Amino acid sequence: MRLEKIAAKALERANFNRYLLSTAVSKRANELANGAQPLVEMDPKKHKFSDIAITEIAEGLITIEGAKAN
């Protein structure tokens, strides 16, 4: 799936709140950078941590506090 579609799906899961989404992506990307295992089948050596984080959110594997449940 293209990154634009992934980002749109992640934004929808964040209740269209860009601030919440950017905060969640940042926190998860830092966790991945500090050694956390990705919840999706993406190699951290080939993909950016932020791309992995936004994919996890788009797929519903990471929930965002403060966003309404869909």
C-alpha atoms as a PDB file:
ATOM      1  CA  MET A   1       0.000   0.000   0.000  1.00  0.00           C
ATOM      2  CA  ARG A   2       1.239   3.478  -0.777  1.00  0.00           C
ATOM      3  CA  LEU A   3       2.373   5.658   2.088  1.00  0.00           C
ATOM      4  CA  GLU A   4      -0.271   8.286   1.282  1.00  0.00           C
ATOM      5  CA  LYS A   5      -3.051   5.729   1.772  1.00  0.00           C
ATOM      6  CA  ILE A   6      -1.422   4.450   4.953  1.00  0.00           C
ATOM      7  CA  ALA A   7      -1.150   7.988   6.316  1.00  0.00           C
ATOM      8  CA  ALA A   8      -4.803   8.685   5.469  1.00  0.00           C
ATOM      9  CA  LYS A   9      -5.905   5.530   7.288  1.00  0.00           C
ATOM     10  CA  ALA A  10      -3.745   6.401  10.310  1.00  0.00           C
ATOM     11  CA  LEU A  11      -5.187   9.932  10.365  1.00  0.00           C
ATOM     12  CA  GLU A  12      -8.688   8.449  10.321  1.00  0.00           C
ATOM     13  CA  ARG A  13      -7.786   6.252  13.311  1.00  0.00           C
ATOM     14  CA  ALA A  14      -6.575   9.400  15.113  1.00  0.00           C
ATOM     15  CA  ASN A  15     -10.012  10.949  14.564  1.00  0.00           C
ATOM     16  CA  PHE A  16      -8.465  13.312  11.979  1.00  0.00           C
ATOM     17  CA  ASN A  17      -6.383  14.981  14.690  1.00  0.00           C
ATOM     18  CA  ARG A  18      -2.951  15.584  13.148  1.00  0.00           C
ATOM     19  CA  TYR A  19      -1.428  16.569  16.485  1.00  0.00           C
ATOM     20  CA  LEU A  20      -2.428  13.285  18.133  1.00  0.00           C
ATOM     21  CA  LEU A  21      -1.184  11.317  15.150  1.00  0.00           C
ATOM     22  CA  SER A  22       2.185  13.068  14.995  1.00  0.00           C
ATOM     23  CA  THR A  23       2.669  12.607  18.739  1.00  0.00           C
ATOM     24  CA  ALA A  24       1.807   8.906  18.551  1.00  0.00           C
ATOM     25  CA  VAL A  25       4.077   8.326  15.538  1.00  0.00           C
ATOM     26  CA  SER A  26       6.930  10.138  17.271  1.00  0.00           C
ATOM     27  CA  LYS A  27       6.588   8.126  20.485  1.00  0.00           C
ATOM     28  CA  ARG A  28       6.378   4.816  18.648  1.00  0.00           C
ATOM     29  CA  ALA A  29       9.283   5.694  16.341  1.00  0.00           C
ATOM     30  CA  ASN A  30      11.423   6.458  19.417  1.00  0.00           C
ATOM     31  CA  GLU A  31      10.447   3.095  20.924  1.00  0.00           C
ATOM     32  CA  LEU A  32      11.471   1.359  17.691  1.00  0.00           C
ATOM     33  CA  ALA A  33      14.749   3.281  17.610  1.00  0.00           C
ATOM     34  CA  ASN A  34      15.434   2.112  21.159  1.00  0.00           C
ATOM     35  CA  GLY A  35      15.031  -1.556  20.229  1.00  0.00           C
ATOM     36  CA  ALA A  36      11.292  -2.331  20.325  1.00  0.00           C
ATOM     37  CA  GLN A  37      10.174  -4.967  17.845  1.00  0.00           C
ATOM     38  CA  PRO A  38       7.895  -3.850  14.991  1.00  0.00           C
ATOM     39  CA  LEU A  39       4.338  -5.194  15.124  1.00  0.00           C
ATOM     40  CA  VAL A  40       4.210  -5.379  11.320  1.00  0.00           C
ATOM     41  CA  GLU A  41       6.344  -7.274   8.832  1.00  0.00           C
ATOM     42  CA  MET A  42       8.718  -4.426   8.015  1.00  0.00           C
ATOM     43  CA  ASP A  43      12.495  -4.557   8.384  1.00  0.00           C
ATOM     44  CA  PRO A  44      13.775  -1.606  10.459  1.00  0.00           C
ATOM     45  CA  LYS A  45      16.994  -1.711   8.441  1.00  0.00           C
ATOM     46  CA  LYS A  46      15.089  -1.051   5.203  1.00  0.00           C
ATOM     47  CA  HIS A  47      12.270   1.235   6.417  1.00  0.00           C
ATOM     48  CA  LYS A  48      12.234   4.399   8.494  1.00  0.00           C
ATOM     49  CA  PHE A  49      10.992   4.038  12.065  1.00  0.00           C
ATOM     50  CA  SER A  50       8.316   6.646  11.394  1.00  0.00           C
ATOM     51  CA  ASP A  51       7.016   4.645   8.403  1.00  0.00           C
ATOM     52  CA  ILE A  52       6.807   1.513  10.539  1.00  0.00           C
ATOM     53  CA  ALA A  53       5.030   3.422  13.317  1.00  0.00           C
ATOM     54  CA  ILE A  54       2.430   4.976  11.018  1.00  0.00           C
ATOM     55  CA  THR A  55       1.789   1.575   9.420  1.00  0.00           C
ATOM     56  CA  GLU A  56       1.215   0.032  12.840  1.00  0.00           C
ATOM     57  CA  ILE A  57      -1.294   2.776  13.668  1.00  0.00           C
ATOM     58  CA  ALA A  58      -3.044   2.474  10.292  1.00  0.00           C
ATOM     59  CA  GLU A  59      -3.460  -1.275  10.775  1.00  0.00           C
ATOM     60  CA  GLY A  60      -4.916  -0.758  14.243  1.00  0.00           C
ATOM     61  CA  LEU A  61      -2.053  -2.455  16.078  1.00  0.00           C
ATOM     62  CA  ILE A  62      -1.318   0.706  18.048  1.00  0.00           C
ATOM     63  CA  THR A  63      -4.153   2.716  19.564  1.00  0.00           C
ATOM     64  CA  ILE A  64      -3.979   6.436  20.209  1.00  0.00           C
ATOM     65  CA  GLU A  65      -5.145   7.745  23.566  1.00  0.00           C
ATOM     66  CA  GLY A  66      -7.447  10.699  23.170  1.00  0.00           C
ATOM     67  CA  ALA A  67      -8.816   9.562  19.802  1.00  0.00           C
ATOM     68  CA  LYS A  68     -12.388   8.342  19.732  1.00  0.00           C
ATOM     69  CA  ALA A  69     -12.840   4.661  18.978  1.00  0.00           C
ATOM     70  CA  ASN A  70     -14.086   4.099  15.436  1.00  0.00           C
END
